[in-house]
Protein backbone atom coordinates (compact mmCIF):
# COMPACT_ATOMS: atom_id res chain seq x y z
CA MET A 1 1.88 -69.17 13.68
CA THR A 2 0.87 -73.19 13.82
CA ILE A 3 -0.52 -75.28 11.74
CA ASN A 4 -1.64 -78.72 11.77
CA GLU A 5 0.42 -80.90 10.21
CA ASP A 6 -2.17 -83.63 9.47
CA LEU A 7 -3.82 -80.99 7.86
CA LEU A 8 -1.26 -80.64 5.48
CA ASN A 9 -0.88 -84.26 4.63
CA GLN A 10 -4.39 -84.67 3.89
CA SER A 11 -4.40 -81.48 1.71
CA ILE A 12 -1.30 -82.91 -0.37
CA GLN A 13 -2.93 -86.91 -0.54
CA GLU A 14 -6.56 -84.94 -1.98
CA MET A 15 -4.17 -83.07 -4.36
CA GLY A 16 -2.70 -86.40 -5.61
CA ASN A 17 -6.03 -87.81 -5.20
CA LYS A 18 -7.51 -85.74 -7.74
CA LYS A 19 -8.46 -87.89 -11.69
CA ASN A 20 -5.39 -87.57 -13.53
CA VAL A 21 -3.06 -85.96 -11.27
CA PHE A 22 0.00 -88.35 -11.53
CA SER A 23 2.33 -85.61 -9.50
CA ALA A 24 2.01 -82.59 -7.23
CA VAL A 25 4.49 -80.86 -4.70
CA LEU A 26 2.94 -78.30 -2.53
CA ARG A 27 5.32 -75.66 -0.55
CA VAL A 28 3.89 -73.47 2.28
CA GLU A 29 5.80 -71.06 4.51
CA SER A 30 4.76 -67.98 6.75
CA GLY A 31 6.02 -64.66 5.68
CA ASP A 32 8.12 -64.13 9.00
CA ASN A 33 9.63 -67.47 7.74
CA SER A 34 8.76 -69.02 11.30
CA PHE A 35 6.95 -72.19 9.38
CA SER A 36 7.85 -74.06 6.16
CA TRP A 37 6.54 -77.23 4.75
CA THR A 38 6.94 -79.36 1.84
CA GLY A 39 4.64 -82.42 0.78
CA THR A 40 4.56 -84.27 -2.21
CA VAL A 41 3.07 -87.39 -4.03
CA GLY A 42 3.14 -89.48 -7.10
CA GLU A 43 6.44 -88.70 -9.15
CA MET A 44 7.17 -85.62 -7.52
CA GLU A 45 10.08 -85.63 -4.55
CA LYS A 46 10.77 -81.91 -2.80
CA GLU A 47 13.57 -81.14 -5.19
CA SER A 48 12.31 -82.24 -8.37
CA LYS A 49 12.65 -79.40 -11.56
CA PHE A 50 9.09 -78.71 -13.02
CA PHE A 51 7.98 -76.33 -15.32
CA ILE A 52 6.61 -73.54 -13.90
CA ALA A 53 4.70 -72.32 -17.27
CA SER A 54 3.00 -69.06 -16.79
CA VAL A 55 4.29 -68.34 -13.19
CA THR A 56 7.46 -67.41 -15.47
CA LYS A 57 5.16 -64.01 -15.84
CA LEU A 58 5.33 -63.29 -12.67
CA TYR A 59 9.03 -63.18 -13.11
CA VAL A 60 8.40 -60.97 -15.91
CA THR A 61 6.62 -58.87 -13.81
CA ALA A 62 9.31 -58.18 -11.49
CA ILE A 63 12.07 -57.37 -14.33
CA VAL A 64 9.08 -54.82 -16.44
CA MET A 65 8.69 -53.21 -12.63
CA ARG A 66 12.49 -53.09 -11.90
CA LEU A 67 13.18 -51.67 -15.51
CA VAL A 68 10.87 -48.83 -14.96
CA GLY A 69 11.98 -47.80 -11.53
CA GLU A 70 15.49 -47.70 -13.25
CA GLY A 71 13.51 -45.39 -15.63
CA LYS A 72 14.62 -47.72 -18.35
CA CYS A 73 11.04 -47.72 -19.61
CA SER A 74 7.11 -46.69 -18.99
CA LEU A 75 4.22 -48.76 -18.36
CA ASP A 76 2.51 -46.24 -20.85
CA ASP A 77 5.37 -46.31 -23.31
CA LYS A 78 3.75 -47.61 -26.76
CA ILE A 79 5.25 -50.62 -28.20
CA THR A 80 6.16 -49.37 -30.80
CA LYS A 81 9.08 -47.38 -29.54
CA TYR A 82 10.91 -50.63 -29.30
CA LEU A 83 9.47 -52.81 -31.57
CA PRO A 84 10.31 -52.97 -35.57
CA ASN A 85 7.58 -51.66 -37.72
CA GLU A 86 6.91 -55.68 -39.14
CA TYR A 87 6.05 -56.42 -36.10
CA THR A 88 3.53 -54.39 -35.07
CA GLN A 89 2.29 -52.68 -38.46
CA GLY A 90 -1.13 -54.74 -38.70
CA LEU A 91 -0.96 -56.50 -35.57
CA HIS A 92 -4.24 -55.45 -34.12
CA VAL A 93 -6.56 -54.66 -37.02
CA LEU A 94 -9.99 -54.33 -35.88
CA LYS A 95 -12.97 -53.72 -37.92
CA GLY A 96 -10.72 -52.26 -40.14
CA THR A 97 -8.46 -49.99 -38.38
CA ASP A 98 -5.19 -50.53 -37.23
CA TYR A 99 -4.55 -49.56 -33.59
CA SER A 100 -1.01 -50.96 -33.24
CA ASP A 101 0.61 -47.81 -32.58
CA VAL A 102 -1.36 -47.20 -29.44
CA ILE A 103 -0.50 -50.59 -27.98
CA THR A 104 1.51 -49.44 -24.61
CA ILE A 105 3.66 -51.83 -22.45
CA LYS A 106 0.83 -51.64 -19.48
CA HIS A 107 -1.90 -53.07 -22.06
CA LEU A 108 0.66 -55.76 -22.96
CA ILE A 109 1.16 -56.79 -18.98
CA SER A 110 -2.48 -56.51 -18.25
CA ASN A 111 -3.47 -58.44 -21.09
CA THR A 112 -5.90 -55.54 -21.81
CA SER A 113 -4.06 -55.36 -25.66
CA GLY A 114 -7.01 -57.35 -26.99
CA ILE A 115 -4.07 -58.71 -28.72
CA PRO A 116 -5.65 -62.41 -29.77
CA ASP A 117 -3.93 -65.64 -27.98
CA TYR A 118 -2.00 -67.71 -30.87
CA PHE A 119 -2.46 -70.55 -28.00
CA PHE A 120 -6.12 -70.85 -27.69
CA HIS A 121 -7.49 -68.49 -30.64
CA LYS A 122 -9.09 -70.46 -33.35
CA GLN A 123 -7.21 -70.48 -36.64
CA PRO A 124 -9.15 -70.13 -39.77
CA ASN A 125 -8.39 -73.72 -40.46
CA GLY A 126 -10.48 -74.30 -37.15
CA GLN A 127 -7.34 -75.77 -35.20
CA THR A 128 -5.51 -74.00 -32.40
CA ALA A 129 -1.88 -74.29 -31.15
CA ALA A 130 -2.76 -75.76 -27.76
CA SER A 131 -5.27 -78.20 -29.58
CA LEU A 132 -2.39 -79.76 -31.35
CA LEU A 133 0.42 -79.35 -29.19
CA LEU A 134 -2.07 -81.56 -26.45
CA GLU A 135 -2.16 -83.75 -29.20
CA GLY A 136 1.92 -84.32 -28.79
CA ASN A 137 2.80 -82.29 -31.75
CA ASP A 138 5.44 -80.53 -30.31
CA GLN A 139 6.23 -77.70 -32.63
CA SER A 140 8.23 -74.04 -31.88
CA TRP A 141 5.92 -70.70 -31.25
CA ASP A 142 8.67 -68.04 -31.46
CA LEU A 143 7.67 -64.64 -31.70
CA GLU A 144 7.78 -64.53 -35.51
CA THR A 145 5.79 -67.08 -36.30
CA THR A 146 3.66 -66.16 -33.46
CA ILE A 147 3.04 -62.49 -35.21
CA GLN A 148 2.48 -64.09 -38.15
CA THR A 149 -0.20 -66.28 -36.78
CA VAL A 150 -1.94 -63.52 -35.03
CA LYS A 151 -1.96 -60.75 -38.20
CA LYS A 152 -4.26 -63.16 -39.33
CA LEU A 153 -6.70 -63.45 -36.40
CA THR A 154 -9.59 -61.09 -35.15
CA PRO A 155 -8.15 -59.03 -32.13
CA ASN A 156 -10.72 -59.49 -29.07
CA PHE A 157 -11.54 -55.36 -28.52
CA VAL A 158 -9.79 -52.12 -28.72
CA PRO A 159 -6.89 -51.60 -26.79
CA GLY A 160 -7.67 -50.62 -23.16
CA LYS A 161 -11.28 -50.58 -23.04
CA LYS A 162 -13.12 -50.09 -20.09
CA GLY A 163 -13.56 -53.36 -18.00
CA LYS A 164 -12.45 -55.76 -20.66
CA ALA A 165 -9.26 -57.91 -20.81
CA ALA A 166 -8.38 -61.26 -22.54
CA TYR A 167 -5.49 -63.54 -21.22
CA SER A 168 -2.97 -63.97 -24.63
CA ASP A 169 0.41 -65.08 -24.43
CA THR A 170 1.14 -63.35 -27.38
CA ASN A 171 1.37 -60.47 -25.31
CA TYR A 172 4.53 -61.98 -23.04
CA GLN A 173 6.33 -62.75 -25.91
CA LEU A 174 6.25 -59.28 -26.90
CA LEU A 175 6.75 -58.34 -23.63
CA GLY A 176 9.87 -60.79 -23.54
CA ARG A 177 11.56 -59.21 -27.39
CA ILE A 178 10.87 -55.66 -24.66
CA ILE A 179 12.49 -56.67 -22.87
CA GLU A 180 15.73 -57.92 -25.04
CA ILE A 181 15.78 -54.57 -26.95
CA ILE A 182 15.91 -52.40 -23.52
CA THR A 183 18.66 -54.43 -21.74
CA GLU A 184 20.50 -55.42 -25.10
CA ASN A 185 20.28 -59.00 -23.55
CA SER A 186 18.81 -62.23 -24.13
CA ILE A 187 15.59 -63.03 -22.03
CA ASP A 188 17.32 -65.76 -20.41
CA GLN A 189 20.28 -63.99 -19.51
CA VAL A 190 18.20 -61.21 -18.21
CA PHE A 191 15.80 -64.03 -16.04
CA LYS A 192 19.49 -65.00 -14.73
CA GLU A 193 21.11 -61.84 -13.75
CA PHE A 194 18.11 -59.73 -12.43
CA ILE A 195 16.73 -62.88 -10.88
CA PHE A 196 18.29 -65.86 -10.65
CA ASP A 197 21.77 -64.87 -9.59
CA GLU A 198 20.52 -62.04 -7.39
CA LEU A 199 18.27 -65.21 -5.46
CA GLY A 200 21.45 -67.22 -5.43
CA LEU A 201 18.55 -69.48 -7.17
CA VAL A 202 21.02 -72.99 -8.64
CA HIS A 203 18.18 -74.98 -9.55
CA THR A 204 16.42 -72.57 -11.81
CA TYR A 205 17.00 -71.71 -15.15
CA VAL A 206 15.57 -71.10 -18.47
CA PHE A 207 14.90 -74.17 -20.53
CA LYS A 208 16.76 -74.00 -23.29
CA ASP A 209 17.82 -77.72 -24.45
CA THR A 210 15.68 -80.04 -26.04
CA ALA A 211 18.04 -83.41 -24.85
CA ASP A 212 16.86 -81.81 -21.15
CA LYS A 213 14.88 -84.15 -19.42
CA LEU A 214 15.45 -83.05 -15.64
CA PRO A 215 12.01 -81.36 -15.59
CA VAL A 216 9.33 -83.52 -14.41
CA PRO A 217 7.16 -84.09 -17.68
CA PHE A 218 3.64 -83.18 -17.48
CA TYR A 219 0.18 -84.27 -18.56
CA TYR A 220 -3.18 -83.84 -20.48
CA LYS A 221 -5.92 -85.88 -18.81
CA SER A 222 -3.83 -89.55 -19.04
CA THR A 223 -1.41 -88.66 -21.75
CA LYS A 224 2.05 -87.90 -20.54
CA LEU A 225 3.65 -84.42 -22.92
CA TRP A 226 7.08 -83.77 -23.25
CA LEU A 227 7.27 -80.74 -25.62
CA PRO A 228 10.93 -79.93 -25.43
CA ASN A 229 10.80 -78.04 -29.12
CA TYR A 230 7.72 -75.48 -27.77
CA MET A 231 9.05 -75.11 -24.50
CA VAL A 232 12.27 -73.78 -25.82
CA SER A 233 10.61 -71.41 -27.92
CA VAL A 234 8.59 -69.62 -25.09
CA PRO A 235 11.40 -68.21 -22.54
CA ALA A 236 9.25 -65.35 -21.62
CA GLU A 237 6.08 -66.76 -21.85
CA GLY A 238 6.34 -69.92 -19.64
CA GLY A 239 10.02 -71.54 -20.21
CA ILE A 240 11.52 -71.68 -16.35
CA VAL A 241 12.29 -74.49 -14.79
CA SER A 242 12.11 -74.47 -11.13
CA THR A 243 11.67 -76.38 -7.96
CA ALA A 244 9.46 -75.78 -4.89
CA GLU A 245 11.72 -74.37 -3.15
CA GLU A 246 13.42 -72.46 -5.08
CA LEU A 247 10.05 -70.63 -6.51
CA MET A 248 9.32 -69.81 -2.86
CA VAL A 249 12.26 -67.66 -2.86
CA PHE A 250 11.35 -66.18 -5.72
CA LEU A 251 7.70 -65.70 -4.50
CA LYS A 252 8.14 -64.12 -1.47
CA GLU A 253 10.92 -61.72 -2.65
CA PHE A 254 8.30 -60.43 -4.99
CA PHE A 255 5.63 -59.44 -2.82
CA LYS A 256 8.55 -58.29 0.21
CA GLY A 257 10.21 -55.76 -2.50
CA ARG A 258 13.11 -56.80 -3.50
CA PHE A 259 12.63 -56.04 -7.40
CA PHE A 260 10.69 -53.35 -6.84
CA PRO A 261 9.17 -50.70 -4.00
CA LYS A 262 6.96 -52.68 -1.82
CA GLU A 263 4.29 -50.35 -1.79
CA LYS A 264 4.08 -50.35 -5.90
CA ILE A 265 2.52 -53.74 -5.31
CA GLU A 266 -0.85 -51.88 -4.67
CA GLU A 267 -0.98 -50.31 -8.44
CA LEU A 268 -0.44 -53.64 -10.23
CA LYS A 269 -4.16 -54.41 -8.03
CA LYS A 270 -6.27 -52.69 -11.63
CA TRP A 271 -8.26 -56.44 -11.68
CA ASN A 272 -10.28 -57.33 -14.98
CA LEU A 273 -12.26 -60.50 -14.78
CA ILE A 274 -10.19 -62.50 -16.90
CA LEU A 275 -12.18 -65.86 -16.97
CA PRO A 276 -16.14 -66.35 -15.91
CA PRO A 277 -17.70 -68.78 -14.04
CA PRO A 278 -16.50 -71.57 -12.50
CA SER A 279 -12.65 -71.01 -13.47
CA VAL A 280 -13.04 -67.52 -12.11
CA PHE A 281 -9.71 -65.13 -11.25
CA TYR A 282 -8.84 -61.83 -12.14
CA TYR A 283 -5.57 -60.10 -13.92
CA GLY A 284 -4.29 -56.72 -12.62
CA ILE A 285 -0.70 -55.75 -13.65
CA GLY A 286 1.23 -58.82 -13.76
CA LEU A 287 -0.49 -60.07 -11.33
CA GLU A 288 -2.85 -62.65 -10.96
CA LYS A 289 -6.12 -62.78 -7.83
CA LEU A 290 -8.19 -65.68 -6.65
CA PHE A 291 -12.00 -65.56 -6.81
CA THR A 292 -12.60 -66.34 -2.99
CA PRO A 293 -16.47 -66.72 -2.22
CA ARG A 294 -17.66 -65.86 1.16
CA ILE A 295 -19.28 -68.99 1.34
CA ILE A 296 -16.26 -70.95 1.71
CA SER A 297 -15.32 -68.78 4.91
CA PRO A 298 -18.81 -66.89 6.02
CA PHE A 299 -17.35 -66.05 9.26
CA LYS A 300 -13.80 -65.34 8.37
CA PRO A 301 -14.22 -64.17 4.96
CA ILE A 302 -10.68 -64.30 2.79
CA LYS A 303 -10.14 -61.52 1.49
CA GLU A 304 -7.38 -62.08 -1.16
CA ILE A 305 -4.84 -64.72 -2.55
CA ILE A 306 -2.66 -62.78 -5.27
CA GLY A 307 -0.10 -64.34 -7.26
CA PHE A 308 0.31 -66.70 -10.20
CA TRP A 309 -1.23 -69.94 -11.91
CA GLY A 310 0.54 -71.90 -14.63
CA GLN A 311 -1.15 -73.44 -17.47
CA THR A 312 0.78 -77.01 -16.29
CA GLY A 313 -0.68 -77.20 -12.85
CA SER A 314 1.71 -74.75 -11.28
CA PHE A 315 0.95 -72.17 -8.91
CA ALA A 316 2.68 -69.36 -6.67
CA TRP A 317 0.16 -67.56 -4.12
CA TYR A 318 0.06 -64.98 -1.23
CA ASN A 319 -2.20 -64.74 1.12
CA PRO A 320 -1.84 -60.99 3.23
CA ASP A 321 -4.28 -62.08 5.26
CA THR A 322 -2.41 -64.96 7.08
CA ASN A 323 0.86 -63.77 5.83
CA LEU A 324 1.16 -67.20 4.38
CA TYR A 325 2.76 -68.32 0.87
CA PHE A 326 1.97 -71.12 -1.70
CA CYS A 327 3.75 -72.43 -5.06
CA GLY A 328 4.07 -76.15 -6.06
CA THR A 329 2.55 -77.58 -9.49
CA THR A 330 -0.02 -80.74 -10.26
CA ASN A 331 1.75 -81.38 -13.50
CA GLN A 332 -2.03 -81.41 -15.48
CA ILE A 333 -2.74 -79.09 -17.88
CA ASN A 334 -6.67 -79.86 -17.77
CA GLY A 335 -7.61 -77.74 -14.77
CA ALA A 336 -8.41 -80.70 -12.66
CA GLY A 337 -4.83 -79.98 -10.90
CA HIS A 338 -5.67 -76.37 -10.77
CA ALA A 339 -8.67 -76.79 -8.95
CA ALA A 340 -6.95 -79.52 -6.50
CA ALA A 341 -4.66 -76.97 -5.14
CA GLY A 342 -7.13 -73.99 -5.16
CA LYS A 343 -9.01 -76.26 -2.65
CA ALA A 344 -6.44 -77.17 -0.88
CA MET A 345 -4.73 -73.78 -0.67
CA MET A 346 -8.15 -72.38 0.61
CA LYS A 347 -8.98 -74.96 3.20
CA ILE A 348 -5.15 -74.42 4.91
CA ILE A 349 -5.78 -70.68 5.08
CA LYS A 350 -8.85 -70.88 6.58
CA SER A 351 -7.35 -73.06 9.52
CA VAL A 352 -5.48 -70.80 10.91
CA LEU A 353 -7.87 -67.52 9.50
């Protein structure tokens, strides 16, 4: 496969030219390993470590599906099988009915539980965890704090309601604890044993030390954010630090069946619309899909781009049509970086279709 290097250089420059994108890295590889390219702009270098944020959730999918394959749990298991009563009782009360005991692992990993997102859901005081953090108010959001907050909020819908999905970081905090209970180990150790050590990743780790200044900072608009207390508190939801090279290693092994049978990927493609226009993307079972309008490539449609976005502008995507993999970050929370990365990926895919 040949990709025009001028096009690749132009793509990373356009990502860096996007307003408020102060640093970015883009890595592109072919599935047969015949092609690999990495470009950077701004504060990023090829070896720079960065927060992969919610791309961490793809690692959670790998672990959950491995545990399912080993017979240690089922996607249809009720979360009450694993979590203590003080966590689950009153977790999901809608119109006077407590649905907490019908929520399953599948509901959590597919964002179909209806449990409110502690991060963006407006609290009774009118504020959100996100708004405070984006103002630079660094604070911990451990599972106990999250559960206490969420129990005061109104759920989005009945668990598993047909056609309904709502992105909720709360789901993944709960999944993290379930994984710890099943494996009898901390989530950071599970990540290390199941994935980092398995793949020989030496620059990838769970952010655990608030004094660790290795990851490149991310921004909200023009404000540089450093939120170590928060990042330490959300390991399963978004706490992994990695490099473009090592993120690519994981991404390719995920889709090639290293952690669970490759054919099971098709079973994860139970898509629900997770966000309306203009930020359109779909959520399956621990997997996301980009919206690829026909107008982008009318004569050779881009059928599918699957993987994961991270809130900090991080990304990890695979396009089966071209057998191309993309990963990196723009270190920008406000959406501008996501748009720039998405545009770059589609331009590259279109060039080789």
